[in-house]
Amino acid sequence: MVCGLSAVEEYSASANALSGITLLSDSVADYSLSPIMQISGLSTFYNRPFNSSTVSILGLHNAIKRNQLFAAVGTSYLHHEDYVKHNPYLNVHYRWRGISFGATGHLFYDTVGSDDAQTDFSYDLGAGFAHDGYAAELKLLRAGLDSEQLCFDIKGRLSPELEAALSYVDESHHEDYLRVGLKLKLHEIITLYGSWQNEPNHFGMGLRVNPGSWSLMYSIRTHTALDPTHAISLDIPW
């Protein structure tokens, strides 16, 4: 149940619901998965992987905007009685006429039992384009590590209330896979998220309630052999 030191983590409620498809995300917590989120605010989350009572994952993320320049900082903290892991990161990205590009540096730190701590460093690179409800994104995540991913995502607005995205993930040391995601606005304050991924085969679903200056989201993600993963996030945009 414990993830590798440098794994590409999908811990936030939105990442859990969307299988990591950040083009449909509204949460600054997902800067850990994309260096070009183009949003600002504060986010915190709790993740319970595979509904295990022995593992807890917490996250705290913050992003600010100055003109067309964005900066984000955050961390996740995984705790188990025999294992602890941190992933602090720093992001900077820029947007110009619908074109965006940016980079994120990650410092991974973990300890197993009484062993000495291990550290690792990696970076993400990203570029994207968005116009009139459509968007595309190319990302290199965890460059140089065993968990390195090259992701290409596209998004379209099918109606004023419905957005859909398709994602292809090329992993250097694992099987490539496809993801699809949907984002549906059910009500002025209620949004539904859903996704499917083929390797491994699982589904995600989440519900966000946004009554005004903050939002609360709960999500669940299935697994082929283990219990579903649950996550809850609090987001305050600005």
Protein backbone atom coordinates (compact mmCIF):
# COMPACT_ATOMS: atom_id res chain seq x y z
CA MET A 1 0.00 0.00 0.00
CA VAL A 2 2.98 2.30 0.40
CA CYS A 3 3.98 4.17 -2.74
CA GLY A 4 7.52 4.44 -4.05
CA LEU A 5 9.70 7.38 -3.14
CA SER A 6 9.24 9.26 -6.41
CA ALA A 7 5.87 7.94 -7.62
CA VAL A 8 3.50 10.25 -9.51
CA GLU A 9 0.96 10.74 -6.73
CA GLU A 10 -2.73 11.42 -7.40
CA TYR A 11 -3.79 12.22 -3.86
CA SER A 12 -6.14 15.23 -4.02
CA ALA A 13 -9.88 14.72 -4.26
CA SER A 14 -9.91 16.05 -7.84
CA ALA A 15 -6.95 13.91 -8.95
CA ASN A 16 -8.58 10.89 -7.31
CA ALA A 17 -11.85 11.52 -9.17
CA LEU A 18 -10.22 12.39 -12.50
CA SER A 19 -7.43 9.76 -12.53
CA GLY A 20 -4.92 12.60 -12.65
CA ILE A 21 -6.38 14.47 -15.68
CA THR A 22 -5.47 18.02 -14.67
CA LEU A 23 -7.15 19.78 -17.63
CA LEU A 24 -10.48 19.23 -15.83
CA SER A 25 -9.22 20.12 -12.35
CA ASP A 26 -10.22 23.22 -10.36
CA SER A 27 -7.81 22.59 -7.47
CA VAL A 28 -4.37 24.14 -6.82
CA ALA A 29 -3.47 20.84 -5.12
CA ASP A 30 -2.95 19.44 -8.62
CA TYR A 31 0.13 21.58 -9.25
CA SER A 32 1.88 18.42 -8.06
CA LEU A 33 0.66 16.83 -11.32
CA SER A 34 0.86 19.75 -13.76
CA PRO A 35 3.26 22.72 -13.91
CA ILE A 36 0.73 24.86 -15.85
CA MET A 37 -2.51 24.81 -13.84
CA GLN A 38 -3.10 28.59 -14.32
CA ILE A 39 -5.15 28.98 -11.12
CA SER A 40 -4.45 30.52 -7.72
CA GLY A 41 -5.70 29.83 -4.23
CA LEU A 42 -5.28 27.57 -1.22
CA SER A 43 -6.05 23.85 -0.98
CA THR A 44 -5.80 21.16 1.66
CA PHE A 45 -6.82 17.51 1.42
CA TYR A 46 -7.03 14.19 3.23
CA ASN A 47 -6.58 10.92 1.33
CA ARG A 48 -7.26 7.40 2.63
CA PRO A 49 -5.60 5.00 0.15
CA PHE A 50 -7.52 1.76 -0.45
CA ASN A 51 -9.64 2.62 2.63
CA SER A 52 -6.74 1.59 4.88
CA SER A 53 -6.97 2.72 8.49
CA THR A 54 -3.16 2.54 8.86
CA VAL A 55 -2.21 5.02 6.11
CA SER A 56 -3.09 8.74 6.07
CA ILE A 57 -2.09 11.28 3.44
CA LEU A 58 -2.41 15.03 4.00
CA GLY A 59 -1.68 17.88 1.63
CA LEU A 60 -1.31 21.66 1.76
CA HIS A 61 -0.93 23.76 -1.41
CA ASN A 62 -0.85 27.46 -2.22
CA ALA A 63 -0.63 29.38 -5.52
CA ILE A 64 -0.48 33.09 -6.30
CA LYS A 65 -0.78 35.12 -9.51
CA ARG A 66 0.94 38.35 -10.55
CA ASN A 67 -0.22 39.55 -13.97
CA GLN A 68 0.44 36.54 -16.24
CA LEU A 69 3.00 34.93 -13.92
CA PHE A 70 1.98 32.17 -11.50
CA ALA A 71 3.90 30.61 -8.59
CA ALA A 72 2.87 27.64 -6.45
CA VAL A 73 4.27 25.80 -3.47
CA GLY A 74 2.95 22.76 -1.64
CA THR A 75 3.63 19.42 -0.06
CA SER A 76 2.03 16.07 0.66
CA TYR A 77 2.66 14.02 3.80
CA LEU A 78 2.08 10.26 3.91
CA HIS A 79 2.13 8.61 7.34
CA HIS A 80 2.25 4.92 8.24
CA GLU A 81 3.61 3.45 11.47
CA ASP A 82 6.57 2.04 9.49
CA TYR A 83 6.87 4.61 6.72
CA VAL A 84 6.77 8.39 6.27
CA LYS A 85 7.04 10.33 3.02
CA HIS A 86 7.09 14.04 2.10
CA ASN A 87 6.95 15.66 -1.35
CA PRO A 88 7.49 19.43 -1.18
CA TYR A 89 7.57 21.23 -4.53
CA LEU A 90 7.98 24.69 -6.04
CA ASN A 91 6.37 25.76 -9.32
CA VAL A 92 6.67 28.76 -11.65
CA HIS A 93 4.77 29.17 -14.92
CA TYR A 94 3.74 31.87 -17.37
CA ARG A 95 0.70 32.41 -19.60
CA TRP A 96 0.65 34.50 -22.78
CA ARG A 97 -2.30 34.72 -25.19
CA GLY A 98 -3.56 31.25 -24.37
CA ILE A 99 -0.10 29.68 -24.43
CA SER A 100 1.38 28.52 -21.13
CA PHE A 101 4.67 26.96 -20.10
CA GLY A 102 6.24 26.17 -16.74
CA ALA A 103 8.38 23.98 -14.53
CA THR A 104 8.13 22.39 -11.08
CA GLY A 105 10.92 21.11 -8.83
CA HIS A 106 10.18 18.23 -6.43
CA LEU A 107 12.15 17.10 -3.39
CA PHE A 108 11.15 13.60 -2.25
CA TYR A 109 11.99 12.57 1.31
CA ASP A 110 11.07 9.33 3.07
CA THR A 111 12.02 7.08 5.97
CA VAL A 112 11.32 3.39 6.53
CA GLY A 113 11.21 2.32 10.17
CA SER A 114 14.41 3.37 11.92
CA ASP A 115 16.45 3.55 8.70
CA ASP A 116 18.12 6.76 7.59
CA ALA A 117 16.08 9.12 5.45
CA GLN A 118 16.31 8.95 1.67
CA THR A 119 16.01 11.99 -0.57
CA ASP A 120 15.53 12.38 -4.30
CA PHE A 121 15.04 15.36 -6.61
CA SER A 122 13.15 15.62 -9.87
CA TYR A 123 11.37 18.15 -12.02
CA ASP A 124 8.29 18.52 -14.25
CA LEU A 125 8.02 20.48 -17.49
CA GLY A 126 4.80 21.49 -19.20
CA ALA A 127 3.37 23.46 -22.09
CA GLY A 128 -0.21 24.02 -23.18
CA PHE A 129 -2.69 26.00 -25.21
CA ALA A 130 -6.29 26.95 -24.40
CA HIS A 131 -8.93 28.79 -26.42
CA ASP A 132 -12.71 29.09 -26.22
CA GLY A 133 -13.34 25.99 -24.08
CA TYR A 134 -10.74 23.80 -25.80
CA ALA A 135 -7.28 23.00 -24.47
CA ALA A 136 -4.25 20.76 -24.97
CA GLU A 137 -1.41 20.01 -22.58
CA LEU A 138 1.93 18.21 -22.87
CA LYS A 139 3.72 17.33 -19.62
CA LEU A 140 6.93 15.58 -18.62
CA LEU A 141 6.57 14.46 -15.00
CA ARG A 142 9.28 13.19 -12.59
CA ALA A 143 12.00 13.53 -15.22
CA GLY A 144 14.89 11.10 -14.91
CA LEU A 145 13.24 8.83 -12.33
CA ASP A 146 11.75 5.33 -12.64
CA SER A 147 8.28 6.88 -12.43
CA GLU A 148 8.88 9.31 -15.34
CA GLN A 149 5.76 10.03 -17.39
CA LEU A 150 5.10 11.83 -20.65
CA CYS A 151 1.43 12.90 -20.76
CA PHE A 152 -0.60 14.38 -23.61
CA ASP A 153 -4.09 15.62 -22.74
CA ILE A 154 -6.82 17.30 -24.78
CA LYS A 155 -10.08 18.86 -23.56
CA GLY A 156 -13.25 20.08 -25.23
CA ARG A 157 -16.44 21.78 -24.06
CA LEU A 158 -19.35 19.66 -25.29
CA SER A 159 -22.01 21.98 -23.87
CA PRO A 160 -22.12 24.93 -21.44
CA GLU A 161 -22.36 22.42 -18.56
CA LEU A 162 -20.19 19.53 -19.83
CA GLU A 163 -16.45 19.21 -20.48
CA ALA A 164 -14.61 16.05 -21.56
CA ALA A 165 -10.91 15.16 -21.73
CA LEU A 166 -8.77 12.39 -23.21
CA SER A 167 -5.29 11.61 -21.91
CA TYR A 168 -2.45 9.36 -23.09
CA VAL A 169 0.34 8.49 -20.63
CA ASP A 170 3.70 7.10 -21.75
CA GLU A 171 5.63 5.63 -18.81
CA SER A 172 9.31 4.85 -19.22
CA HIS A 173 9.36 1.72 -17.07
CA HIS A 174 5.69 0.65 -17.06
CA GLU A 175 2.80 0.04 -19.44
CA ASP A 176 1.36 3.02 -21.31
CA TYR A 177 -2.31 3.76 -20.66
CA LEU A 178 -5.31 5.87 -21.61
CA ARG A 179 -7.58 7.98 -19.44
CA VAL A 180 -10.90 9.69 -20.13
CA GLY A 181 -12.62 12.20 -17.87
CA LEU A 182 -15.82 14.22 -17.61
CA LYS A 183 -16.81 17.33 -15.69
CA LEU A 184 -20.52 18.11 -15.46
CA LYS A 185 -22.06 21.14 -13.78
CA LEU A 186 -25.28 19.84 -12.25
CA HIS A 187 -26.24 23.06 -10.47
CA GLU A 188 -24.83 26.51 -9.85
CA ILE A 189 -23.00 25.16 -6.78
CA ILE A 190 -22.67 21.42 -7.59
CA THR A 191 -20.21 19.83 -10.05
CA LEU A 192 -19.79 16.13 -10.82
CA TYR A 193 -16.48 14.60 -11.96
CA GLY A 194 -15.81 11.14 -13.40
CA SER A 195 -13.01 9.18 -15.08
CA TRP A 196 -11.87 5.80 -16.37
CA GLN A 197 -8.34 4.46 -16.82
CA ASN A 198 -7.39 1.23 -18.57
CA GLU A 199 -4.03 0.32 -16.94
CA PRO A 200 -4.73 -0.53 -14.22
CA ASN A 201 -8.45 -0.64 -14.88
CA HIS A 202 -10.31 1.65 -12.49
CA PHE A 203 -13.01 4.30 -12.24
CA GLY A 204 -13.09 7.59 -10.36
CA MET A 205 -15.97 9.80 -9.31
CA GLY A 206 -16.23 13.00 -7.30
CA LEU A 207 -18.69 15.68 -6.22
CA ARG A 208 -17.76 19.32 -5.57
CA VAL A 209 -19.98 21.77 -3.65
CA ASN A 210 -19.08 25.40 -4.21
CA PRO A 211 -21.39 27.73 -2.22
CA GLY A 212 -19.27 30.83 -2.81
CA SER A 213 -15.74 31.75 -1.79
CA TRP A 214 -14.75 28.14 -1.00
CA SER A 215 -15.51 24.61 -2.17
CA LEU A 216 -15.57 21.14 -0.66
CA MET A 217 -15.01 18.01 -2.75
CA TYR A 218 -15.31 14.28 -2.00
CA SER A 219 -14.15 11.56 -4.37
CA ILE A 220 -13.74 7.80 -4.63
CA ARG A 221 -11.57 5.69 -6.94
CA THR A 222 -11.88 1.96 -7.50
CA HIS A 223 -9.08 -0.64 -7.68
CA THR A 224 -9.06 -4.06 -9.32
CA ALA A 225 -7.81 -5.90 -6.21
CA LEU A 226 -8.01 -3.52 -3.24
CA ASP A 227 -10.72 -1.41 -1.62
CA PRO A 228 -11.53 2.02 -3.13
CA THR A 229 -9.46 5.08 -2.28
CA HIS A 230 -11.34 7.98 -0.64
CA ALA A 231 -10.31 11.65 -0.63
CA ILE A 232 -11.73 14.96 0.54
CA SER A 233 -10.44 18.45 -0.30
CA LEU A 234 -11.12 22.02 0.81
CA ASP A 235 -10.29 24.72 -1.78
CA ILE A 236 -10.31 28.49 -1.42
CA PRO A 237 -9.67 30.21 -4.78
CA TRP A 238 -8.50 33.79 -5.21
